[in-house]
PDB file of N, CA and C in Angstrom:
ATOM      1  N   MET A   1       0.835  -1.176  -0.004  1.00  0.00           N
ATOM      2  CA  MET A   1       0.000   0.004  -0.009  1.00  0.00           C
ATOM      3  C   MET A   1       0.871   1.241   0.004  1.00  0.00           C
ATOM      4  N   GLN A   2       0.508   2.216  -0.795  1.00  0.00           N
ATOM      5  CA  GLN A   2       1.285   3.433  -0.947  1.00  0.00           C
ATOM      6  C   GLN A   2       1.084   4.371   0.219  1.00  0.00           C
ATOM      7  N   ASP A   3       2.201   4.977   0.733  1.00  0.00           N
ATOM      8  CA  ASP A   3       2.124   5.920   1.819  1.00  0.00           C
ATOM      9  C   ASP A   3       1.630   7.287   1.262  1.00  0.00           C
ATOM     10  N   VAL A   4       0.478   7.760   1.786  1.00  0.00           N
ATOM     11  CA  VAL A   4      -0.048   9.019   1.289  1.00  0.00           C
ATOM     12  C   VAL A   4      -0.107  10.042   2.444  1.00  0.00           C
ATOM     13  N   SER A   5       0.774   9.890   3.387  1.00  0.00           N
ATOM     14  CA  SER A   5       0.822  10.765   4.547  1.00  0.00           C
ATOM     15  C   SER A   5       1.381  12.153   4.148  1.00  0.00           C
ATOM     16  N   GLY A   6       1.196  13.122   5.022  1.00  0.00           N
ATOM     17  CA  GLY A   6       1.794  14.462   4.814  1.00  0.00           C
ATOM     18  C   GLY A   6       3.307  14.380   4.698  1.00  0.00           C
ATOM     19  N   GLY A   7       3.906  13.482   5.507  1.00  0.00           N
ATOM     20  CA  GLY A   7       5.353  13.340   5.485  1.00  0.00           C
ATOM     21  C   GLY A   7       5.829  12.821   4.130  1.00  0.00           C
ATOM     22  N   ALA A   8       5.079  11.887   3.568  1.00  0.00           N
ATOM     23  CA  ALA A   8       5.453  11.349   2.243  1.00  0.00           C
ATOM     24  C   ALA A   8       5.325  12.420   1.177  1.00  0.00           C
ATOM     25  N   ALA A   9       4.298  13.269   1.254  1.00  0.00           N
ATOM     26  CA  ALA A   9       4.145  14.358   0.301  1.00  0.00           C
ATOM     27  C   ALA A   9       5.272  15.350   0.435  1.00  0.00           C
ATOM     28  N   GLU A  10       5.635  15.707   1.688  1.00  0.00           N
ATOM     29  CA  GLU A  10       6.732  16.618   1.882  1.00  0.00           C
ATOM     30  C   GLU A  10       8.062  16.035   1.389  1.00  0.00           C
ATOM     31  N   ASP A  11       8.277  14.764   1.619  1.00  0.00           N
ATOM     32  CA  ASP A  11       9.485  14.095   1.117  1.00  0.00           C
ATOM     33  C   ASP A  11       9.567  14.205  -0.398  1.00  0.00           C
ATOM     34  N   ALA A  12       8.435  13.948  -1.082  1.00  0.00           N
ATOM     35  CA  ALA A  12       8.426  13.971  -2.530  1.00  0.00           C
ATOM     36  C   ALA A  12       8.685  15.392  -3.051  1.00  0.00           C
ATOM     37  N   VAL A  13       8.103  16.397  -2.429  1.00  0.00           N
ATOM     38  CA  VAL A  13       8.298  17.784  -2.872  1.00  0.00           C
ATOM     39  C   VAL A  13       9.718  18.225  -2.590  1.00  0.00           C
ATOM     40  N   ALA A  14      10.267  17.868  -1.439  1.00  0.00           N
ATOM     41  CA  ALA A  14      11.648  18.255  -1.114  1.00  0.00           C
ATOM     42  C   ALA A  14      12.618  17.629  -2.110  1.00  0.00           C
ATOM     43  N   ALA A  15      12.398  16.379  -2.463  1.00  0.00           N
ATOM     44  CA  ALA A  15      13.282  15.722  -3.451  1.00  0.00           C
ATOM     45  C   ALA A  15      13.183  16.418  -4.828  1.00  0.00           C
ATOM     46  N   ARG A  16      11.965  16.793  -5.201  1.00  0.00           N
ATOM     47  CA  ARG A  16      11.751  17.471  -6.472  1.00  0.00           C
ATOM     48  C   ARG A  16      12.481  18.806  -6.487  1.00  0.00           C
ATOM     49  N   LEU A  17      12.336  19.577  -5.400  1.00  0.00           N
ATOM     50  CA  LEU A  17      13.016  20.876  -5.307  1.00  0.00           C
ATOM     51  C   LEU A  17      14.525  20.738  -5.435  1.00  0.00           C
ATOM     52  N   VAL A  18      15.075  19.797  -4.715  1.00  0.00           N
ATOM     53  CA  VAL A  18      16.507  19.551  -4.779  1.00  0.00           C
ATOM     54  C   VAL A  18      16.932  19.181  -6.203  1.00  0.00           C
ATOM     55  N   SER A  19      16.160  18.369  -6.863  1.00  0.00           N
ATOM     56  CA  SER A  19      16.484  17.985  -8.230  1.00  0.00           C
ATOM     57  C   SER A  19      16.445  19.149  -9.205  1.00  0.00           C
ATOM     58  N   GLU A  20      15.704  20.201  -8.824  1.00  0.00           N
ATOM     59  CA  GLU A  20      15.586  21.427  -9.654  1.00  0.00           C
ATOM     60  C   GLU A  20      16.583  22.497  -9.202  1.00  0.00           C
ATOM     61  N   GLY A  21      17.503  22.151  -8.327  1.00  0.00           N
ATOM     62  CA  GLY A  21      18.553  23.104  -7.960  1.00  0.00           C
ATOM     63  C   GLY A  21      18.259  23.956  -6.693  1.00  0.00           C
ATOM     64  N   TRP A  22      17.212  23.642  -5.998  1.00  0.00           N
ATOM     65  CA  TRP A  22      16.902  24.360  -4.763  1.00  0.00           C
ATOM     66  C   TRP A  22      17.654  23.734  -3.604  1.00  0.00           C
ATOM     67  N   HIS A  23      17.982  24.571  -2.630  1.00  0.00           N
ATOM     68  CA  HIS A  23      18.574  24.113  -1.361  1.00  0.00           C
ATOM     69  C   HIS A  23      17.469  24.168  -0.317  1.00  0.00           C
ATOM     70  N   VAL A  24      17.158  23.057   0.288  1.00  0.00           N
ATOM     71  CA  VAL A  24      16.122  23.015   1.322  1.00  0.00           C
ATOM     72  C   VAL A  24      16.766  23.507   2.629  1.00  0.00           C
ATOM     73  N   ARG A  25      16.305  24.684   3.066  1.00  0.00           N
ATOM     74  CA  ARG A  25      16.870  25.276   4.279  1.00  0.00           C
ATOM     75  C   ARG A  25      16.222  24.736   5.538  1.00  0.00           C
ATOM     76  N   GLY A  26      15.007  24.262   5.398  1.00  0.00           N
ATOM     77  CA  GLY A  26      14.333  23.706   6.573  1.00  0.00           C
ATOM     78  C   GLY A  26      12.988  23.062   6.212  1.00  0.00           C
ATOM     79  N   ARG A  27      12.584  22.163   7.075  1.00  0.00           N
ATOM     80  CA  ARG A  27      11.288  21.529   6.918  1.00  0.00           C
ATOM     81  C   ARG A  27      10.531  21.651   8.237  1.00  0.00           C
ATOM     82  N   ARG A  28       9.231  21.865   8.104  1.00  0.00           N
ATOM     83  CA  ARG A  28       8.373  22.099   9.258  1.00  0.00           C
ATOM     84  C   ARG A  28       8.967  23.177  10.149  1.00  0.00           C
ATOM     85  N   VAL A  29       9.256  24.295   9.551  1.00  0.00           N
ATOM     86  CA  VAL A  29       9.865  25.456  10.215  1.00  0.00           C
ATOM     87  C   VAL A  29       8.845  26.094  11.112  1.00  0.00           C
ATOM     88  N   ARG A  30       9.114  26.155  12.352  1.00  0.00           N
ATOM     89  CA  ARG A  30       8.176  26.749  13.353  1.00  0.00           C
ATOM     90  C   ARG A  30       8.543  28.215  13.611  1.00  0.00           C
ATOM     91  N   LEU A  31       7.537  29.039  13.571  1.00  0.00           N
ATOM     92  CA  LEU A  31       7.646  30.461  13.870  1.00  0.00           C
ATOM     93  C   LEU A  31       6.544  30.768  14.903  1.00  0.00           C
ATOM     94  N   GLN A  32       6.860  30.478  16.150  1.00  0.00           N
ATOM     95  CA  GLN A  32       5.896  30.482  17.224  1.00  0.00           C
ATOM     96  C   GLN A  32       4.782  29.490  16.880  1.00  0.00           C
ATOM     97  N   ARG A  33       3.565  29.957  16.738  1.00  0.00           N
ATOM     98  CA  ARG A  33       2.452  28.993  16.480  1.00  0.00           C
ATOM     99  C   ARG A  33       2.268  28.759  14.962  1.00  0.00           C
ATOM    100  N   LEU A  34       3.036  29.388  14.154  1.00  0.00           N
ATOM    101  CA  LEU A  34       2.906  29.201  12.694  1.00  0.00           C
ATOM    102  C   LEU A  34       3.944  28.205  12.204  1.00  0.00           C
ATOM    103  N   GLU A  35       3.624  27.534  11.094  1.00  0.00           N
ATOM    104  CA  GLU A  35       4.564  26.560  10.545  1.00  0.00           C
ATOM    105  C   GLU A  35       4.606  26.653   9.036  1.00  0.00           C
ATOM    106  N   ILE A  36       5.840  26.512   8.504  1.00  0.00           N
ATOM    107  CA  ILE A  36       6.008  26.459   7.073  1.00  0.00           C
ATOM    108  C   ILE A  36       6.553  25.037   6.748  1.00  0.00           C
ATOM    109  N   ASP A  37       5.875  24.356   5.811  1.00  0.00           N
ATOM    110  CA  ASP A  37       6.244  22.978   5.519  1.00  0.00           C
ATOM    111  C   ASP A  37       7.679  22.852   5.027  1.00  0.00           C
ATOM    112  N   ILE A  38       8.042  23.653   4.036  1.00  0.00           N
ATOM    113  CA  ILE A  38       9.387  23.608   3.467  1.00  0.00           C
ATOM    114  C   ILE A  38       9.846  25.021   3.196  1.00  0.00           C
ATOM    115  N   VAL A  39      11.055  25.343   3.600  1.00  0.00           N
ATOM    116  CA  VAL A  39      11.691  26.618   3.221  1.00  0.00           C
ATOM    117  C   VAL A  39      12.866  26.258   2.325  1.00  0.00           C
ATOM    118  N   ALA A  40      12.841  26.755   1.096  1.00  0.00           N
ATOM    119  CA  ALA A  40      13.879  26.409   0.130  1.00  0.00           C
ATOM    120  C   ALA A  40      14.423  27.683  -0.501  1.00  0.00           C
ATOM    121  N   GLN A  41      15.669  27.601  -0.916  1.00  0.00           N
ATOM    122  CA  GLN A  41      16.335  28.772  -1.562  1.00  0.00           C
ATOM    123  C   GLN A  41      17.034  28.387  -2.844  1.00  0.00           C
ATOM    124  N   LYS A  42      16.889  29.260  -3.827  1.00  0.00           N
ATOM    125  CA  LYS A  42      17.581  29.112  -5.111  1.00  0.00           C
ATOM    126  C   LYS A  42      17.993  30.504  -5.519  1.00  0.00           C
ATOM    127  N   GLY A  43      19.306  30.739  -5.509  1.00  0.00           N
ATOM    128  CA  GLY A  43      19.788  32.095  -5.810  1.00  0.00           C
ATOM    129  C   GLY A  43      19.315  33.024  -4.701  1.00  0.00           C
ATOM    130  N   ASP A  44      18.745  34.140  -5.103  1.00  0.00           N
ATOM    131  CA  ASP A  44      18.262  35.136  -4.138  1.00  0.00           C
ATOM    132  C   ASP A  44      16.787  34.988  -3.785  1.00  0.00           C
ATOM    133  N   VAL A  45      16.177  33.883  -4.168  1.00  0.00           N
ATOM    134  CA  VAL A  45      14.763  33.666  -3.924  1.00  0.00           C
ATOM    135  C   VAL A  45      14.605  32.619  -2.830  1.00  0.00           C
ATOM    136  N   VAL A  46      13.762  32.923  -1.837  1.00  0.00           N
ATOM    137  CA  VAL A  46      13.392  31.966  -0.810  1.00  0.00           C
ATOM    138  C   VAL A  46      11.921  31.671  -0.994  1.00  0.00           C
ATOM    139  N   ALA A  47      11.612  30.395  -1.098  1.00  0.00           N
ATOM    140  CA  ALA A  47      10.211  29.943  -1.228  1.00  0.00           C
ATOM    141  C   ALA A  47       9.735  29.302   0.052  1.00  0.00           C
ATOM    142  N   CYS A  48       8.623  29.766   0.561  1.00  0.00           N
ATOM    143  CA  CYS A  48       7.908  29.145   1.658  1.00  0.00           C
ATOM    144  C   CYS A  48       6.897  28.218   1.017  1.00  0.00           C
ATOM    145  N   VAL A  49       7.097  26.916   1.094  1.00  0.00           N
ATOM    146  CA  VAL A  49       6.290  25.972   0.321  1.00  0.00           C
ATOM    147  C   VAL A  49       5.278  25.298   1.238  1.00  0.00           C
ATOM    148  N   GLU A  50       3.998  25.474   0.896  1.00  0.00           N
ATOM    149  CA  GLU A  50       2.947  24.740   1.555  1.00  0.00           C
ATOM    150  C   GLU A  50       2.678  23.478   0.754  1.00  0.00           C
ATOM    151  N   VAL A  51       2.715  22.328   1.406  1.00  0.00           N
ATOM    152  CA  VAL A  51       2.597  21.048   0.729  1.00  0.00           C
ATOM    153  C   VAL A  51       1.242  20.439   1.095  1.00  0.00           C
ATOM    154  N   ARG A  52       0.550  20.008   0.048  1.00  0.00           N
ATOM    155  CA  ARG A  52      -0.742  19.312   0.259  1.00  0.00           C
ATOM    156  C   ARG A  52      -0.722  18.030  -0.528  1.00  0.00           C
ATOM    157  N   GLY A  53      -1.075  16.927   0.107  1.00  0.00           N
ATOM    158  CA  GLY A  53      -1.122  15.632  -0.556  1.00  0.00           C
ATOM    159  C   GLY A  53      -2.533  15.085  -0.574  1.00  0.00           C
ATOM    160  N   ARG A  54      -2.893  14.406  -1.615  1.00  0.00           N
ATOM    161  CA  ARG A  54      -4.206  13.790  -1.725  1.00  0.00           C
ATOM    162  C   ARG A  54      -4.095  12.500  -2.544  1.00  0.00           C
ATOM    163  N   ARG A  55      -5.021  11.600  -2.349  1.00  0.00           N
ATOM    164  CA  ARG A  55      -5.140  10.470  -3.238  1.00  0.00           C
ATOM    165  C   ARG A  55      -5.865  10.937  -4.504  1.00  0.00           C
ATOM    166  N   ALA A  56      -5.676  10.215  -5.574  1.00  0.00           N
ATOM    167  CA  ALA A  56      -6.314  10.613  -6.845  1.00  0.00           C
ATOM    168  C   ALA A  56      -7.818  10.606  -6.754  1.00  0.00           C
ATOM    169  N   ASP A  57      -8.383   9.795  -5.863  1.00  0.00           N
ATOM    170  CA  ASP A  57      -9.852   9.715  -5.753  1.00  0.00           C
ATOM    171  C   ASP A  57     -10.431  10.588  -4.630  1.00  0.00           C
ATOM    172  N   ALA A  58      -9.653  11.527  -4.113  1.00  0.00           N
ATOM    173  CA  ALA A  58     -10.132  12.394  -3.039  1.00  0.00           C
ATOM    174  C   ALA A  58     -11.269  13.303  -3.557  1.00  0.00           C
ATOM    175  N   LEU A  59     -12.191  13.602  -2.677  1.00  0.00           N
ATOM    176  CA  LEU A  59     -13.331  14.447  -3.035  1.00  0.00           C
ATOM    177  C   LEU A  59     -12.950  15.920  -3.215  1.00  0.00           C
ATOM    178  N   VAL A  60     -11.936  16.368  -2.446  1.00  0.00           N
ATOM    179  CA  VAL A  60     -11.491  17.748  -2.508  1.00  0.00           C
ATOM    180  C   VAL A  60     -10.050  17.732  -3.014  1.00  0.00           C
ATOM    181  N   SER A  61      -9.791  18.535  -4.032  1.00  0.00           N
ATOM    182  CA  SER A  61      -8.415  18.587  -4.565  1.00  0.00           C
ATOM    183  C   SER A  61      -7.477  19.250  -3.569  1.00  0.00           C
ATOM    184  N   ALA A  62      -6.196  18.971  -3.716  1.00  0.00           N
ATOM    185  CA  ALA A  62      -5.213  19.562  -2.819  1.00  0.00           C
ATOM    186  C   ALA A  62      -5.221  21.076  -2.950  1.00  0.00           C
ATOM    187  N   MET A  63      -5.380  21.594  -4.147  1.00  0.00           N
ATOM    188  CA  MET A  63      -5.428  23.054  -4.347  1.00  0.00           C
ATOM    189  C   MET A  63      -6.601  23.680  -3.618  1.00  0.00           C
ATOM    190  N   ASP A  64      -7.740  22.988  -3.686  1.00  0.00           N
ATOM    191  CA  ASP A  64      -8.967  23.527  -3.077  1.00  0.00           C
ATOM    192  C   ASP A  64      -8.984  23.400  -1.563  1.00  0.00           C
ATOM    193  N   SER A  65      -8.025  22.715  -0.997  1.00  0.00           N
ATOM    194  CA  SER A  65      -8.009  22.471   0.470  1.00  0.00           C
ATOM    195  C   SER A  65      -7.407  23.651   1.242  1.00  0.00           C
ATOM    196  N   ILE A  66      -6.945  24.667   0.548  1.00  0.00           N
ATOM    197  CA  ILE A  66      -6.337  25.843   1.223  1.00  0.00           C
ATOM    198  C   ILE A  66      -7.455  26.916   1.388  1.00  0.00           C
ATOM    199  N   ASP A  67      -7.901  27.105   2.608  1.00  0.00           N
ATOM    200  CA  ASP A  67      -8.945  28.140   2.819  1.00  0.00           C
ATOM    201  C   ASP A  67      -8.312  29.478   3.161  1.00  0.00           C
ATOM    202  N   TRP A  68      -9.162  30.480   3.333  1.00  0.00           N
ATOM    203  CA  TRP A  68      -8.627  31.833   3.571  1.00  0.00           C
ATOM    204  C   TRP A  68      -7.877  31.928   4.896  1.00  0.00           C
ATOM    205  N   LYS A  69      -8.226  31.140   5.881  1.00  0.00           N
ATOM    206  CA  LYS A  69      -7.511  31.176   7.155  1.00  0.00           C
ATOM    207  C   LYS A  69      -6.074  30.656   6.981  1.00  0.00           C
ATOM    208  N   LYS A  70      -5.932  29.600   6.221  1.00  0.00           N
ATOM    209  CA  LYS A  70      -4.610  29.052   5.975  1.00  0.00           C
ATOM    210  C   LYS A  70      -3.765  30.017   5.133  1.00  0.00           C
ATOM    211  N   ARG A  71      -4.376  30.637   4.119  1.00  0.00           N
ATOM    212  CA  ARG A  71      -3.685  31.619   3.316  1.00  0.00           C
ATOM    213  C   ARG A  71      -3.156  32.803   4.177  1.00  0.00           C
ATOM    214  N   ARG A  72      -4.017  33.251   5.088  1.00  0.00           N
ATOM    215  CA  ARG A  72      -3.605  34.348   5.953  1.00  0.00           C
ATOM    216  C   ARG A  72      -2.509  33.916   6.888  1.00  0.00           C
ATOM    217  N   ALA A  73      -2.571  32.703   7.428  1.00  0.00           N
ATOM    218  CA  ALA A  73      -1.526  32.182   8.306  1.00  0.00           C
ATOM    219  C   ALA A  73      -0.201  32.025   7.591  1.00  0.00           C
ATOM    220  N   LEU A  74      -0.264  31.558   6.310  1.00  0.00           N
ATOM    221  CA  LEU A  74       0.953  31.415   5.518  1.00  0.00           C
ATOM    222  C   LEU A  74       1.596  32.780   5.273  1.00  0.00           C
ATOM    223  N   GLY A  75       0.763  33.785   4.981  1.00  0.00           N
ATOM    224  CA  GLY A  75       1.281  35.117   4.792  1.00  0.00           C
ATOM    225  C   GLY A  75       1.944  35.686   6.034  1.00  0.00           C
ATOM    226  N   ARG A  76       1.356  35.441   7.187  1.00  0.00           N
ATOM    227  CA  ARG A  76       1.962  35.870   8.456  1.00  0.00           C
ATOM    228  C   ARG A  76       3.263  35.157   8.698  1.00  0.00           C
ATOM    229  N   ALA A  77       3.298  33.870   8.419  1.00  0.00           N
ATOM    230  CA  ALA A  77       4.534  33.068   8.628  1.00  0.00           C
ATOM    231  C   ALA A  77       5.627  33.576   7.715  1.00  0.00           C
ATOM    232  N   ALA A  78       5.313  33.848   6.454  1.00  0.00           N
ATOM    233  CA  ALA A  78       6.353  34.339   5.515  1.00  0.00           C
ATOM    234  C   ALA A  78       6.883  35.707   5.953  1.00  0.00           C
ATOM    235  N   LYS A  79       5.997  36.573   6.403  1.00  0.00           N
ATOM    236  CA  LYS A  79       6.450  37.906   6.921  1.00  0.00           C
ATOM    237  C   LYS A  79       7.316  37.744   8.146  1.00  0.00           C
ATOM    238  N   ARG A  80       6.918  36.846   9.020  1.00  0.00           N
ATOM    239  CA  ARG A  80       7.718  36.622  10.232  1.00  0.00           C
ATOM    240  C   ARG A  80       9.097  36.044   9.867  1.00  0.00           C
ATOM    241  N   LEU A  81       9.132  35.088   8.947  1.00  0.00           N
ATOM    242  CA  LEU A  81      10.404  34.552   8.534  1.00  0.00           C
ATOM    243  C   LEU A  81      11.302  35.612   7.949  1.00  0.00           C
ATOM    244  N   TRP A  82      10.709  36.513   7.127  1.00  0.00           N
ATOM    245  CA  TRP A  82      11.472  37.601   6.539  1.00  0.00           C
ATOM    246  C   TRP A  82      12.036  38.511   7.648  1.00  0.00           C
ATOM    247  N   SER A  83      11.168  38.979   8.547  1.00  0.00           N
ATOM    248  CA  SER A  83      11.611  39.962   9.525  1.00  0.00           C
ATOM    249  C   SER A  83      12.578  39.407  10.578  1.00  0.00           C
ATOM    250  N   ARG A  84      12.412  38.144  10.892  1.00  0.00           N
ATOM    251  CA  ARG A  84      13.232  37.568  11.969  1.00  0.00           C
ATOM    252  C   ARG A  84      14.508  36.847  11.509  1.00  0.00           C
ATOM    253  N   VAL A  85      14.508  36.457  10.223  1.00  0.00           N
ATOM    254  CA  VAL A  85      15.651  35.665   9.752  1.00  0.00           C
ATOM    255  C   VAL A  85      16.257  36.196   8.484  1.00  0.00           C
ATOM    256  N   LEU A  86      15.439  36.414   7.461  1.00  0.00           N
ATOM    257  CA  LEU A  86      15.946  36.645   6.121  1.00  0.00           C
ATOM    258  C   LEU A  86      16.308  38.083   5.788  1.00  0.00           C
ATOM    259  N   ALA A  87      15.713  39.068   6.467  1.00  0.00           N
ATOM    260  CA  ALA A  87      15.977  40.471   6.117  1.00  0.00           C
ATOM    261  C   ALA A  87      17.422  40.870   6.276  1.00  0.00           C
ATOM    262  N   ASP A  88      18.134  40.210   7.163  1.00  0.00           N
ATOM    263  CA  ASP A  88      19.540  40.541   7.374  1.00  0.00           C
ATOM    264  C   ASP A  88      20.478  39.732   6.515  1.00  0.00           C
ATOM    265  N   GLU A  89      19.964  38.844   5.685  1.00  0.00           N
ATOM    266  CA  GLU A  89      20.804  38.041   4.835  1.00  0.00           C
ATOM    267  C   GLU A  89      20.992  38.736   3.473  1.00  0.00           C
ATOM    268  N   PRO A  90      22.202  39.105   3.125  1.00  0.00           N
ATOM    269  CA  PRO A  90      22.444  39.865   1.896  1.00  0.00           C
ATOM    270  C   PRO A  90      22.099  39.081   0.637  1.00  0.00           C
ATOM    271  N   GLY A  91      22.092  37.760   0.667  1.00  0.00           N
ATOM    272  CA  GLY A  91      21.841  36.979  -0.525  1.00  0.00           C
ATOM    273  C   GLY A  91      20.385  36.707  -0.817  1.00  0.00           C
ATOM    274  N   VAL A  92      19.443  37.279   0.001  1.00  0.00           N
ATOM    275  CA  VAL A  92      18.020  37.039  -0.212  1.00  0.00           C
ATOM    276  C   VAL A  92      17.368  38.352  -0.627  1.00  0.00           C
ATOM    277  N   ARG A  93      16.709  38.279  -1.772  1.00  0.00           N
ATOM    278  CA  ARG A  93      16.011  39.430  -2.359  1.00  0.00           C
ATOM    279  C   ARG A  93      14.525  39.270  -2.368  1.00  0.00           C
ATOM    280  N   VAL A  94      14.058  38.026  -2.572  1.00  0.00           N
ATOM    281  CA  VAL A  94      12.618  37.758  -2.744  1.00  0.00           C
ATOM    282  C   VAL A  94      12.192  36.622  -1.818  1.00  0.00           C
ATOM    283  N   VAL A  95      11.033  36.810  -1.219  1.00  0.00           N
ATOM    284  CA  VAL A  95      10.383  35.741  -0.450  1.00  0.00           C
ATOM    285  C   VAL A  95       9.004  35.573  -1.073  1.00  0.00           C
ATOM    286  N   ARG A  96       8.628  34.339  -1.311  1.00  0.00           N
ATOM    287  CA  ARG A  96       7.309  34.075  -1.906  1.00  0.00           C
ATOM    288  C   ARG A  96       6.715  32.823  -1.272  1.00  0.00           C
ATOM    289  N   ILE A  97       5.434  32.645  -1.460  1.00  0.00           N
ATOM    290  CA  ILE A  97       4.743  31.469  -0.949  1.00  0.00           C
ATOM    291  C   ILE A  97       4.323  30.638  -2.175  1.00  0.00           C
ATOM    292  N   ASP A  98       4.860  29.424  -2.248  1.00  0.00           N
ATOM    293  CA  ASP A  98       4.537  28.486  -3.306  1.00  0.00           C
ATOM    294  C   ASP A  98       3.596  27.405  -2.698  1.00  0.00           C
ATOM    295  N   LEU A  99       2.792  26.880  -3.595  1.00  0.00           N
ATOM    296  CA  LEU A  99       1.909  25.755  -3.193  1.00  0.00           C
ATOM    297  C   LEU A  99       2.316  24.534  -3.989  1.00  0.00           C
ATOM    298  N   ALA A 100       2.615  23.455  -3.297  1.00  0.00           N
ATOM    299  CA  ALA A 100       2.975  22.179  -3.939  1.00  0.00           C
ATOM    300  C   ALA A 100       1.904  21.136  -3.611  1.00  0.00           C
ATOM    301  N   THR A 101       1.386  20.538  -4.655  1.00  0.00           N
ATOM    302  CA  THR A 101       0.418  19.462  -4.460  1.00  0.00           C
ATOM    303  C   THR A 101       0.995  18.139  -4.929  1.00  0.00           C
ATOM    304  N   VAL A 102       0.669  17.118  -4.172  1.00  0.00           N
ATOM    305  CA  VAL A 102       1.093  15.775  -4.527  1.00  0.00           C
ATOM    306  C   VAL A 102      -0.119  14.906  -4.595  1.00  0.00           C
ATOM    307  N   THR A 103      -0.381  14.364  -5.785  1.00  0.00           N
ATOM    308  CA  THR A 103      -1.511  13.469  -5.989  1.00  0.00           C
ATOM    309  C   THR A 103      -1.005  12.049  -6.090  1.00  0.00           C
ATOM    310  N   PHE A 104      -1.385  11.226  -5.144  1.00  0.00           N
ATOM    311  CA  PHE A 104      -0.952   9.840  -5.141  1.00  0.00           C
ATOM    312  C   PHE A 104      -1.935   8.982  -5.885  1.00  0.00           C
ATOM    313  N   GLY A 105      -1.460   8.318  -6.922  1.00  0.00           N
ATOM    314  CA  GLY A 105      -2.336   7.479  -7.711  1.00  0.00           C
ATOM    315  C   GLY A 105      -1.671   6.147  -7.997  1.00  0.00           C
ATOM    316  N   PRO A 106      -2.263   5.330  -8.844  1.00  0.00           N
ATOM    317  CA  PRO A 106      -1.718   4.004  -9.127  1.00  0.00           C
ATOM    318  C   PRO A 106      -0.337   4.085  -9.784  1.00  0.00           C
ATOM    319  N   GLY A 107      -0.066   5.136 -10.472  1.00  0.00           N
ATOM    320  CA  GLY A 107       1.226   5.295 -11.181  1.00  0.00           C
ATOM    321  C   GLY A 107       2.286   5.968 -10.346  1.00  0.00           C
ATOM    322  N   GLY A 108       1.991   6.291  -9.111  1.00  0.00           N
ATOM    323  CA  GLY A 108       2.956   6.942  -8.244  1.00  0.00           C
ATOM    324  C   GLY A 108       2.443   8.335  -7.856  1.00  0.00           C
ATOM    325  N   ALA A 109       3.386   9.207  -7.544  1.00  0.00           N
ATOM    326  CA  ALA A 109       3.065  10.566  -7.071  1.00  0.00           C
ATOM    327  C   ALA A 109       3.250  11.558  -8.173  1.00  0.00           C
ATOM    328  N   ALA A 110       2.213  12.325  -8.451  1.00  0.00           N
ATOM    329  CA  ALA A 110       2.319  13.450  -9.416  1.00  0.00           C
ATOM    330  C   ALA A 110       2.414  14.754  -8.609  1.00  0.00           C
ATOM    331  N   ILE A 111       3.444  15.520  -8.905  1.00  0.00           N
ATOM    332  CA  ILE A 111       3.729  16.739  -8.140  1.00  0.00           C
ATOM    333  C   ILE A 111       3.506  17.953  -9.022  1.00  0.00           C
ATOM    334  N   GLU A 112       2.800  18.944  -8.495  1.00  0.00           N
ATOM    335  CA  GLU A 112       2.604  20.202  -9.180  1.00  0.00           C
ATOM    336  C   GLU A 112       3.008  21.312  -8.210  1.00  0.00           C
ATOM    337  N   ILE A 113       3.892  22.215  -8.645  1.00  0.00           N
ATOM    338  CA  ILE A 113       4.300  23.342  -7.837  1.00  0.00           C
ATOM    339  C   ILE A 113       3.888  24.625  -8.535  1.00  0.00           C
ATOM    340  N   VAL A 114       3.120  25.453  -7.787  1.00  0.00           N
ATOM    341  CA  VAL A 114       2.690  26.755  -8.300  1.00  0.00           C
ATOM    342  C   VAL A 114       3.500  27.842  -7.575  1.00  0.00           C
ATOM    343  N   GLU A 115       4.389  28.497  -8.313  1.00  0.00           N
ATOM    344  CA  GLU A 115       5.214  29.531  -7.725  1.00  0.00           C
ATOM    345  C   GLU A 115       4.404  30.795  -7.451  1.00  0.00           C
ATOM    346  N   GLY A 116       4.600  31.327  -6.255  1.00  0.00           N
ATOM    347  CA  GLY A 116       3.903  32.587  -5.867  1.00  0.00           C
ATOM    348  C   GLY A 116       2.418  32.393  -5.840  1.00  0.00           C
ATOM    349  N   ALA A 117       1.928  31.226  -5.499  1.00  0.00           N
ATOM    350  CA  ALA A 117       0.491  30.928  -5.536  1.00  0.00           C
ATOM    351  C   ALA A 117      -0.319  31.757  -4.529  1.00  0.00           C
ATOM    352  N   ILE A 118       0.286  32.111  -3.434  1.00  0.00           N
ATOM    353  CA  ILE A 118      -0.413  32.853  -2.383  1.00  0.00           C
ATOM    354  C   ILE A 118       0.299  34.170  -2.173  1.00  0.00           C
ATOM    355  N   PRO A 119      -0.354  35.265  -2.418  1.00  0.00           N
ATOM    356  CA  PRO A 119       0.275  36.585  -2.230  1.00  0.00           C
ATOM    357  C   PRO A 119       0.592  36.877  -0.770  1.00  0.00           C
ATOM    358  N   ILE A 120       1.649  37.564  -0.548  1.00  0.00           N
ATOM    359  CA  ILE A 120       2.028  38.003   0.814  1.00  0.00           C
ATOM    360  C   ILE A 120       1.499  39.439   0.929  1.00  0.00           C
ATOM    361  N   GLU A 121       0.503  39.612   1.781  1.00  0.00           N
ATOM    362  CA  GLU A 121      -0.101  40.920   1.936  1.00  0.00           C
ATOM    363  C   GLU A 121       0.409  41.642   3.130  1.00  0.00           C
TER     364      GLU A 121
END
């Protein structure tokens, strides 16, 4: 039976990011009560990646599972990461929130990453 846990989805996305030249700076990064699934950097861009995994037969898609409360929390987490960690790093110019979905089906895991999917307000 295929592992469709959140950890398996995060593992798949982290491996994909690394294969695309990203450096994973942290996973499950805690900022007080907020959490970012994956923080990755490529050049001067830092991506705060929210990972969602679903089975192919799920009633709600991974993309549709992000409600306004989660979007707001991700924005707060990205701002907090910037102000407390990244603002003083000369090699970081951009922080964005990406959404990564992993759909587990009979053929394995299909990964989709949407860059800048959630605006930081």
